[in-house]
Structures are given as C-alpha cells and as structure tokens.
Amino acid sequence: SLTTIAWIFFRADSIKEAFAYIQGIVHRSIFDLPSIS
C-alpha cells in the first residue's frame, strides 16, 4: 500500500495532480462500481 501510494507520484504529471489523485481515492464512491470504460 505504501509503495503504491508512492508510485502515484511517479506516474502523475505533477505533484498537484498526484495529491488530487490520492484525495480522489479517499471518497465514499470507493464502494461504487468502477467508472472504467
């Protein structure tokens, strides 16, 4: 889990986007069906 969080910064285009991505994970929609095409 710790490694995966760090990989988000490795993959993101900016630190701001990485933090926004992590913030997006911590949301009640975690229990919803994934919005993947």
ModelCIF file with pLDDT and N, C-alpha, C, O atoms, coordinates in Angstrom:
data_MODEL
#
_entry.id   MODEL 
#
_entity.id                         1 
_entity.type                       polymer 
_entity.pdbx_number_of_molecules   1 
#
_entity_poly.entity_id                      1 
_entity_poly.type                           'polypeptide(L)' 
_entity_poly.nstd_linkage                   no 
_entity_poly.nstd_monomer                   no 
_entity_poly.pdbx_seq_one_letter_code       SLTTIAWIFFRADSIKEAFAYIQGIVHRSIFDLPSIS 
_entity_poly.pdbx_seq_one_letter_code_can   SLTTIAWIFFRADSIKEAFAYIQGIVHRSIFDLPSIS 
_entity_poly.pdbx_strand_id                 A 
#
loop_
_entity_poly_seq.entity_id 
_entity_poly_seq.num 
_entity_poly_seq.mon_id 
_entity_poly_seq.hetero 
1 1  SER n 
1 2  LEU n 
1 3  THR n 
1 4  THR n 
1 5  ILE n 
1 6  ALA n 
1 7  TRP n 
1 8  ILE n 
1 9  PHE n 
1 10 PHE n 
1 11 ARG n 
1 12 ALA n 
1 13 ASP n 
1 14 SER n 
1 15 ILE n 
1 16 LYS n 
1 17 GLU n 
1 18 ALA n 
1 19 PHE n 
1 20 ALA n 
1 21 TYR n 
1 22 ILE n 
1 23 GLN n 
1 24 GLY n 
1 25 ILE n 
1 26 VAL n 
1 27 HIS n 
1 28 ARG n 
1 29 SER n 
1 30 ILE n 
1 31 PHE n 
1 32 ASP n 
1 33 LEU n 
1 34 PRO n 
1 35 SER n 
1 36 ILE n 
1 37 SER n 
#
_struct_asym.id          A 
_struct_asym.entity_id   1 
#
loop_
_ma_qa_metric.id 
_ma_qa_metric.mode 
_ma_qa_metric.name 
_ma_qa_metric.software_group_id 
_ma_qa_metric.type 
1 global pLDDT . pLDDT 
2 local  pLDDT . pLDDT 
#
_ma_qa_metric_global.metric_id      1 
_ma_qa_metric_global.metric_value   93.30 
_ma_qa_metric_global.model_id       1 
_ma_qa_metric_global.ordinal_id     1 
#
loop_
_ma_qa_metric_local.label_asym_id 
_ma_qa_metric_local.label_comp_id 
_ma_qa_metric_local.label_seq_id 
_ma_qa_metric_local.metric_id 
_ma_qa_metric_local.metric_value 
_ma_qa_metric_local.model_id 
_ma_qa_metric_local.ordinal_id 
A SER 1  2 97.00 1 1  
A LEU 2  2 97.00 1 2  
A THR 3  2 98.00 1 3  
A THR 4  2 98.00 1 4  
A ILE 5  2 97.00 1 5  
A ALA 6  2 97.00 1 6  
A TRP 7  2 97.00 1 7  
A ILE 8  2 98.00 1 8  
A PHE 9  2 97.00 1 9  
A PHE 10 2 96.00 1 10 
A ARG 11 2 95.00 1 11 
A ALA 12 2 95.00 1 12 
A ASP 13 2 93.00 1 13 
A SER 14 2 95.00 1 14 
A ILE 15 2 96.00 1 15 
A LYS 16 2 96.00 1 16 
A GLU 17 2 96.00 1 17 
A ALA 18 2 97.00 1 18 
A PHE 19 2 97.00 1 19 
A ALA 20 2 96.00 1 20 
A TYR 21 2 96.00 1 21 
A ILE 22 2 96.00 1 22 
A GLN 23 2 94.00 1 23 
A GLY 24 2 94.00 1 24 
A ILE 25 2 94.00 1 25 
A VAL 26 2 91.00 1 26 
A HIS 27 2 84.00 1 27 
A ARG 28 2 82.00 1 28 
A SER 29 2 78.00 1 29 
A ILE 30 2 86.00 1 30 
A PHE 31 2 87.00 1 31 
A ASP 32 2 88.00 1 32 
A LEU 33 2 89.00 1 33 
A PRO 34 2 91.00 1 34 
A SER 35 2 90.00 1 35 
A ILE 36 2 93.00 1 36 
A SER 37 2 91.00 1 37 
#
loop_
_atom_site.group_PDB 
_atom_site.id 
_atom_site.type_symbol 
_atom_site.label_atom_id 
_atom_site.label_alt_id 
_atom_site.label_comp_id 
_atom_site.label_asym_id 
_atom_site.label_entity_id 
_atom_site.label_seq_id 
_atom_site.pdbx_PDB_ins_code 
_atom_site.Cartn_x 
_atom_site.Cartn_y 
_atom_site.Cartn_z 
_atom_site.occupancy 
_atom_site.B_iso_or_equiv 
_atom_site.pdbx_formal_charge 
_atom_site.auth_seq_id 
_atom_site.auth_comp_id 
_atom_site.auth_asym_id 
_atom_site.auth_atom_id 
_atom_site.pdbx_PDB_model_num 
ATOM 1   N N  . SER A 1 1  ? 0.832   -1.211 0.000   1.00 97.00 ? 1  SER A N  1 
ATOM 2   C CA . SER A 1 1  ? 0.000   0.000  0.000   1.00 97.00 ? 1  SER A CA 1 
ATOM 3   C C  . SER A 1 1  ? 0.863   1.256  0.000   1.00 97.00 ? 1  SER A C  1 
ATOM 4   O O  . SER A 1 1  ? 0.603   2.191  -0.758  1.00 97.00 ? 1  SER A O  1 
ATOM 5   N N  . LEU A 1 2  ? 1.886   1.280  0.846   1.00 97.00 ? 2  LEU A N  1 
ATOM 6   C CA . LEU A 1 2  ? 2.786   2.438  0.890   1.00 97.00 ? 2  LEU A CA 1 
ATOM 7   C C  . LEU A 1 2  ? 3.505   2.619  -0.438  1.00 97.00 ? 2  LEU A C  1 
ATOM 8   O O  . LEU A 1 2  ? 3.654   3.738  -0.928  1.00 97.00 ? 2  LEU A O  1 
ATOM 9   N N  . THR A 1 3  ? 3.947   1.517  -1.012  1.00 98.00 ? 3  THR A N  1 
ATOM 10  C CA . THR A 1 3  ? 4.648   1.576  -2.294  1.00 98.00 ? 3  THR A CA 1 
ATOM 11  C C  . THR A 1 3  ? 3.730   2.076  -3.404  1.00 98.00 ? 3  THR A C  1 
ATOM 12  O O  . THR A 1 3  ? 4.141   2.867  -4.252  1.00 98.00 ? 3  THR A O  1 
ATOM 13  N N  . THR A 1 4  ? 2.490   1.610  -3.390  1.00 98.00 ? 4  THR A N  1 
ATOM 14  C CA . THR A 1 4  ? 1.521   2.013  -4.416  1.00 98.00 ? 4  THR A CA 1 
ATOM 15  C C  . THR A 1 4  ? 1.221   3.508  -4.322  1.00 98.00 ? 4  THR A C  1 
ATOM 16  O O  . THR A 1 4  ? 1.083   4.179  -5.345  1.00 98.00 ? 4  THR A O  1 
ATOM 17  N N  . ILE A 1 5  ? 1.119   4.028  -3.106  1.00 97.00 ? 5  ILE A N  1 
ATOM 18  C CA . ILE A 1 5  ? 0.914   5.474  -2.926  1.00 97.00 ? 5  ILE A CA 1 
ATOM 19  C C  . ILE A 1 5  ? 2.085   6.250  -3.526  1.00 97.00 ? 5  ILE A C  1 
ATOM 20  O O  . ILE A 1 5  ? 1.895   7.261  -4.201  1.00 97.00 ? 5  ILE A O  1 
ATOM 21  N N  . ALA A 1 6  ? 3.300   5.759  -3.268  1.00 97.00 ? 6  ALA A N  1 
ATOM 22  C CA . ALA A 1 6  ? 4.481   6.427  -3.822  1.00 97.00 ? 6  ALA A CA 1 
ATOM 23  C C  . ALA A 1 6  ? 4.488   6.358  -5.349  1.00 97.00 ? 6  ALA A C  1 
ATOM 24  O O  . ALA A 1 6  ? 4.890   7.314  -6.012  1.00 97.00 ? 6  ALA A O  1 
ATOM 25  N N  . TRP A 1 7  ? 4.038   5.215  -5.916  1.00 97.00 ? 7  TRP A N  1 
ATOM 26  C CA . TRP A 1 7  ? 4.006   5.085  -7.376  1.00 97.00 ? 7  TRP A CA 1 
ATOM 27  C C  . TRP A 1 7  ? 3.082   6.100  -8.029  1.00 97.00 ? 7  TRP A C  1 
ATOM 28  O O  . TRP A 1 7  ? 3.291   6.471  -9.184  1.00 97.00 ? 7  TRP A O  1 
ATOM 29  N N  . ILE A 1 8  ? 2.062   6.555  -7.308  1.00 98.00 ? 8  ILE A N  1 
ATOM 30  C CA . ILE A 1 8  ? 1.152   7.558  -7.864  1.00 98.00 ? 8  ILE A CA 1 
ATOM 31  C C  . ILE A 1 8  ? 1.924   8.824  -8.222  1.00 98.00 ? 8  ILE A C  1 
ATOM 32  O O  . ILE A 1 8  ? 1.684   9.424  -9.270  1.00 98.00 ? 8  ILE A O  1 
ATOM 33  N N  . PHE A 1 9  ? 2.852   9.233  -7.354  1.00 97.00 ? 9  PHE A N  1 
ATOM 34  C CA . PHE A 1 9  ? 3.680   10.414 -7.643  1.00 97.00 ? 9  PHE A CA 1 
ATOM 35  C C  . PHE A 1 9  ? 4.613   10.139 -8.819  1.00 97.00 ? 9  PHE A C  1 
ATOM 36  O O  . PHE A 1 9  ? 4.909   11.036 -9.609  1.00 97.00 ? 9  PHE A O  1 
ATOM 37  N N  . PHE A 1 10 ? 5.074   8.891  -8.929  1.00 96.00 ? 10 PHE A N  1 
ATOM 38  C CA . PHE A 1 10 ? 5.960   8.504  -10.022 1.00 96.00 ? 10 PHE A CA 1 
ATOM 39  C C  . PHE A 1 10 ? 5.234   8.607  -11.363 1.00 96.00 ? 10 PHE A C  1 
ATOM 40  O O  . PHE A 1 10 ? 5.836   8.974  -12.372 1.00 96.00 ? 10 PHE A O  1 
ATOM 41  N N  . ARG A 1 11 ? 3.938   8.281  -11.372 1.00 95.00 ? 11 ARG A N  1 
ATOM 42  C CA . ARG A 1 11 ? 3.163   8.240  -12.620 1.00 95.00 ? 11 ARG A CA 1 
ATOM 43  C C  . ARG A 1 11 ? 2.521   9.578  -12.976 1.00 95.00 ? 11 ARG A C  1 
ATOM 44  O O  . ARG A 1 11 ? 2.346   9.891  -14.154 1.00 95.00 ? 11 ARG A O  1 
ATOM 45  N N  . ALA A 1 12 ? 2.173   10.364 -11.966 1.00 95.00 ? 12 ALA A N  1 
ATOM 46  C CA . ALA A 1 12 ? 1.457   11.619 -12.207 1.00 95.00 ? 12 ALA A CA 1 
ATOM 47  C C  . ALA A 1 12 ? 2.333   12.637 -12.930 1.00 95.00 ? 12 ALA A C  1 
ATOM 48  O O  . ALA A 1 12 ? 3.561   12.571 -12.867 1.00 95.00 ? 12 ALA A O  1 
ATOM 49  N N  . ASP A 1 13 ? 1.686   13.583 -13.621 1.00 93.00 ? 13 ASP A N  1 
ATOM 50  C CA . ASP A 1 13 ? 2.424   14.624 -14.352 1.00 93.00 ? 13 ASP A CA 1 
ATOM 51  C C  . ASP A 1 13 ? 2.926   15.727 -13.432 1.00 93.00 ? 13 ASP A C  1 
ATOM 52  O O  . ASP A 1 13 ? 3.883   16.426 -13.768 1.00 93.00 ? 13 ASP A O  1 
ATOM 53  N N  . SER A 1 14 ? 2.288   15.892 -12.270 1.00 95.00 ? 14 SER A N  1 
ATOM 54  C CA . SER A 1 14 ? 2.716   16.921 -11.325 1.00 95.00 ? 14 SER A CA 1 
ATOM 55  C C  . SER A 1 14 ? 2.364   16.474 -9.916  1.00 95.00 ? 14 SER A C  1 
ATOM 56  O O  . SER A 1 14 ? 1.537   15.583 -9.726  1.00 95.00 ? 14 SER A O  1 
ATOM 57  N N  . ILE A 1 15 ? 2.993   17.095 -8.934  1.00 96.00 ? 15 ILE A N  1 
ATOM 58  C CA . ILE A 1 15 ? 2.712   16.768 -7.533  1.00 96.00 ? 15 ILE A CA 1 
ATOM 59  C C  . ILE A 1 15 ? 1.271   17.123 -7.189  1.00 96.00 ? 15 ILE A C  1 
ATOM 60  O O  . ILE A 1 15 ? 0.606   16.409 -6.438  1.00 96.00 ? 15 ILE A O  1 
ATOM 61  N N  . LYS A 1 16 ? 0.795   18.240 -7.752  1.00 96.00 ? 16 LYS A N  1 
ATOM 62  C CA . LYS A 1 16 ? -0.592  18.653 -7.508  1.00 96.00 ? 16 LYS A CA 1 
ATOM 63  C C  . LYS A 1 16 ? -1.566  17.590 -7.993  1.00 96.00 ? 16 LYS A C  1 
ATOM 64  O O  . LYS A 1 16 ? -2.529  17.258 -7.302  1.00 96.00 ? 16 LYS A O  1 
ATOM 65  N N  . GLU A 1 17 ? -1.314  17.059 -9.182  1.00 96.00 ? 17 GLU A N  1 
ATOM 66  C CA . GLU A 1 17 ? -2.184  16.012 -9.722  1.00 96.00 ? 17 GLU A CA 1 
ATOM 67  C C  . GLU A 1 17 ? -2.120  14.744 -8.881  1.00 96.00 ? 17 GLU A C  1 
ATOM 68  O O  . GLU A 1 17 ? -3.130  14.064 -8.701  1.00 96.00 ? 17 GLU A O  1 
ATOM 69  N N  . ALA A 1 18 ? -0.934  14.425 -8.365  1.00 97.00 ? 18 ALA A N  1 
ATOM 70  C CA . ALA A 1 18 ? -0.776  13.228 -7.534  1.00 97.00 ? 18 ALA A CA 1 
ATOM 71  C C  . ALA A 1 18 ? -1.592  13.339 -6.253  1.00 97.00 ? 18 ALA A C  1 
ATOM 72  O O  . ALA A 1 18 ? -2.280  12.396 -5.862  1.00 97.00 ? 18 ALA A O  1 
ATOM 73  N N  . PHE A 1 19 ? -1.510  14.495 -5.602  1.00 97.00 ? 19 PHE A N  1 
ATOM 74  C CA . PHE A 1 19 ? -2.289  14.696 -4.370  1.00 97.00 ? 19 PHE A CA 1 
ATOM 75  C C  . PHE A 1 19 ? -3.793  14.681 -4.668  1.00 97.00 ? 19 PHE A C  1 
ATOM 76  O O  . PHE A 1 19 ? -4.585  14.158 -3.883  1.00 97.00 ? 19 PHE A O  1 
ATOM 77  N N  . ALA A 1 20 ? -4.170  15.257 -5.803  1.00 96.00 ? 20 ALA A N  1 
ATOM 78  C CA . ALA A 1 20 ? -5.588  15.242 -6.189  1.00 96.00 ? 20 ALA A CA 1 
ATOM 79  C C  . ALA A 1 20 ? -6.054  13.807 -6.450  1.00 96.00 ? 20 ALA A C  1 
ATOM 80  O O  . ALA A 1 20 ? -7.185  13.444 -6.128  1.00 96.00 ? 20 ALA A O  1 
ATOM 81  N N  . TYR A 1 21 ? -5.170  12.999 -7.035  1.00 96.00 ? 21 TYR A N  1 
ATOM 82  C CA . TYR A 1 21 ? -5.489  11.592 -7.313  1.00 96.00 ? 21 TYR A CA 1 
ATOM 83  C C  . TYR A 1 21 ? -5.712  10.834 -6.001  1.00 96.00 ? 21 TYR A C  1 
ATOM 84  O O  . TYR A 1 21 ? -6.681  10.087 -5.868  1.00 96.00 ? 21 TYR A O  1 
ATOM 85  N N  . ILE A 1 22 ? -4.802  11.032 -5.025  1.00 96.00 ? 22 ILE A N  1 
ATOM 86  C CA . ILE A 1 22 ? -4.927  10.361 -3.723  1.00 96.00 ? 22 ILE A CA 1 
ATOM 87  C C  . ILE A 1 22 ? -6.186  10.836 -3.002  1.00 96.00 ? 22 ILE A C  1 
ATOM 88  O O  . ILE A 1 22 ? -6.903  10.042 -2.393  1.00 96.00 ? 22 ILE A O  1 
ATOM 89  N N  . GLN A 1 23 ? -6.442  12.139 -3.079  1.00 94.00 ? 23 GLN A N  1 
ATOM 90  C CA . GLN A 1 23 ? -7.654  12.685 -2.461  1.00 94.00 ? 23 GLN A CA 1 
ATOM 91  C C  . GLN A 1 23 ? -8.907  12.080 -3.096  1.00 94.00 ? 23 GLN A C  1 
ATOM 92  O O  . GLN A 1 23 ? -9.913  11.865 -2.421  1.00 94.00 ? 23 GLN A O  1 
ATOM 93  N N  . GLY A 1 24 ? -8.835  11.805 -4.410  1.00 94.00 ? 24 GLY A N  1 
ATOM 94  C CA . GLY A 1 24 ? -9.967  11.203 -5.104  1.00 94.00 ? 24 GLY A CA 1 
ATOM 95  C C  . GLY A 1 24 ? -10.231 9.768  -4.672  1.00 94.00 ? 24 GLY A C  1 
ATOM 96  O O  . GLY A 1 24 ? -11.370 9.304  -4.711  1.00 94.00 ? 24 GLY A O  1 
ATOM 97  N N  . ILE A 1 25 ? -9.182  9.069  -4.261  1.00 94.00 ? 25 ILE A N  1 
ATOM 98  C CA . ILE A 1 25 ? -9.357  7.694  -3.787  1.00 94.00 ? 25 ILE A CA 1 
ATOM 99  C C  . ILE A 1 25 ? -10.104 7.675  -2.457  1.00 94.00 ? 25 ILE A C  1 
ATOM 100 O O  . ILE A 1 25 ? -10.950 6.813  -2.217  1.00 94.00 ? 25 ILE A O  1 
ATOM 101 N N  . VAL A 1 26 ? -9.778  8.643  -1.594  1.00 91.00 ? 26 VAL A N  1 
ATOM 102 C CA . VAL A 1 26 ? -10.388 8.696  -0.258  1.00 91.00 ? 26 VAL A CA 1 
ATOM 103 C C  . VAL A 1 26 ? -11.763 9.371  -0.374  1.00 91.00 ? 26 VAL A C  1 
ATOM 104 O O  . VAL A 1 26 ? -11.926 10.546 -0.044  1.00 91.00 ? 26 VAL A O  1 
ATOM 105 N N  . HIS A 1 27 ? -12.723 8.611  -0.842  1.00 84.00 ? 27 HIS A N  1 
ATOM 106 C CA . HIS A 1 27 ? -14.068 9.146  -1.088  1.00 84.00 ? 27 HIS A CA 1 
ATOM 107 C C  . HIS A 1 27 ? -15.073 8.014  -0.941  1.00 84.00 ? 27 HIS A C  1 
ATOM 108 O O  . HIS A 1 27 ? -14.722 6.847  -1.117  1.00 84.00 ? 27 HIS A O  1 
ATOM 109 N N  . ARG A 1 28 ? -16.301 8.340  -0.625  1.00 82.00 ? 28 ARG A N  1 
ATOM 110 C CA . ARG A 1 28 ? -17.317 7.301  -0.410  1.00 82.00 ? 28 ARG A CA 1 
ATOM 111 C C  . ARG A 1 28 ? -17.632 6.517  -1.680  1.00 82.00 ? 28 ARG A C  1 
ATOM 112 O O  . ARG A 1 28 ? -18.207 5.431  -1.607  1.00 82.00 ? 28 ARG A O  1 
ATOM 113 N N  . SER A 1 29 ? -17.263 7.054  -2.846  1.00 78.00 ? 29 SER A N  1 
ATOM 114 C CA . SER A 1 29 ? -17.510 6.320  -4.090  1.00 78.00 ? 29 SER A CA 1 
ATOM 115 C C  . SER A 1 29 ? -16.578 5.113  -4.241  1.00 78.00 ? 29 SER A C  1 
ATOM 116 O O  . SER A 1 29 ? -16.628 4.406  -5.247  1.00 78.00 ? 29 SER A O  1 
ATOM 117 N N  . ILE A 1 30 ? -15.735 4.886  -3.242  1.00 86.00 ? 30 ILE A N  1 
ATOM 118 C CA . ILE A 1 30 ? -14.867 3.717  -3.233  1.00 86.00 ? 30 ILE A CA 1 
ATOM 119 C C  . ILE A 1 30 ? -15.693 2.432  -3.299  1.00 86.00 ? 30 ILE A C  1 
ATOM 120 O O  . ILE A 1 30 ? -15.210 1.396  -3.756  1.00 86.00 ? 30 ILE A O  1 
ATOM 121 N N  . PHE A 1 31 ? -16.951 2.514  -2.834  1.00 87.00 ? 31 PHE A N  1 
ATOM 122 C CA . PHE A 1 31 ? -17.822 1.332  -2.819  1.00 87.00 ? 31 PHE A CA 1 
ATOM 123 C C  . PHE A 1 31 ? -18.704 1.234  -4.069  1.00 87.00 ? 31 PHE A C  1 
ATOM 124 O O  . PHE A 1 31 ? -19.478 0.288  -4.216  1.00 87.00 ? 31 PHE A O  1 
ATOM 125 N N  . ASP A 1 32 ? -18.580 2.219  -4.970  1.00 88.00 ? 32 ASP A N  1 
ATOM 126 C CA . ASP A 1 32 ? -19.366 2.193  -6.205  1.00 88.00 ? 32 ASP A CA 1 
ATOM 127 C C  . ASP A 1 32 ? -18.667 1.347  -7.271  1.00 88.00 ? 32 ASP A C  1 
ATOM 128 O O  . ASP A 1 32 ? -17.484 1.029  -7.152  1.00 88.00 ? 32 ASP A O  1 
ATOM 129 N N  . LEU A 1 33 ? -19.410 0.996  -8.295  1.00 89.00 ? 33 LEU A N  1 
ATOM 130 C CA . LEU A 1 33 ? -18.847 0.260  -9.422  1.00 89.00 ? 33 LEU A CA 1 
ATOM 131 C C  . LEU A 1 33 ? -17.823 1.155  -10.125 1.00 89.00 ? 33 LEU A C  1 
ATOM 132 O O  . LEU A 1 33 ? -18.129 2.311  -10.416 1.00 89.00 ? 33 LEU A O  1 
ATOM 133 N N  . PRO A 1 34 ? -16.606 0.648  -10.409 1.00 91.00 ? 34 PRO A N  1 
ATOM 134 C CA . PRO A 1 34 ? -15.561 1.479  -11.033 1.00 91.00 ? 34 PRO A CA 1 
ATOM 135 C C  . PRO A 1 34 ? -16.012 2.059  -12.366 1.00 91.00 ? 34 PRO A C  1 
ATOM 136 O O  . PRO A 1 34 ? -16.597 1.363  -13.196 1.00 91.00 ? 34 PRO A O  1 
ATOM 137 N N  . SER A 1 35 ? -15.732 3.340  -12.558 1.00 90.00 ? 35 SER A N  1 
ATOM 138 C CA . SER A 1 35 ? -16.131 4.034  -13.792 1.00 90.00 ? 35 SER A CA 1 
ATOM 139 C C  . SER A 1 35 ? -15.068 3.845  -14.873 1.00 90.00 ? 35 SER A C  1 
ATOM 140 O O  . SER A 1 35 ? -14.436 4.805  -15.315 1.00 90.00 ? 35 SER A O  1 
ATOM 141 N N  . ILE A 1 36 ? -14.885 2.595  -15.290 1.00 93.00 ? 36 ILE A N  1 
ATOM 142 C CA . ILE A 1 36 ? -13.905 2.254  -16.322 1.00 93.00 ? 36 ILE A CA 1 
ATOM 143 C C  . ILE A 1 36 ? -14.670 1.837  -17.576 1.00 93.00 ? 36 ILE A C  1 
ATOM 144 O O  . ILE A 1 36 ? -15.645 1.090  -17.497 1.00 93.00 ? 36 ILE A O  1 
ATOM 145 N N  . SER A 1 37 ? -14.224 2.323  -18.729 1.00 91.00 ? 37 SER A N  1 
ATOM 146 C CA . SER A 1 37 ? -14.962 2.073  -19.968 1.00 91.00 ? 37 SER A CA 1 
ATOM 147 C C  . SER A 1 37 ? -15.114 0.585  -20.262 1.00 91.00 ? 37 SER A C  1 
ATOM 148 O O  . SER A 1 37 ? -15.713 0.213  -21.271 1.00 91.00 ? 37 SER A O  1 
#
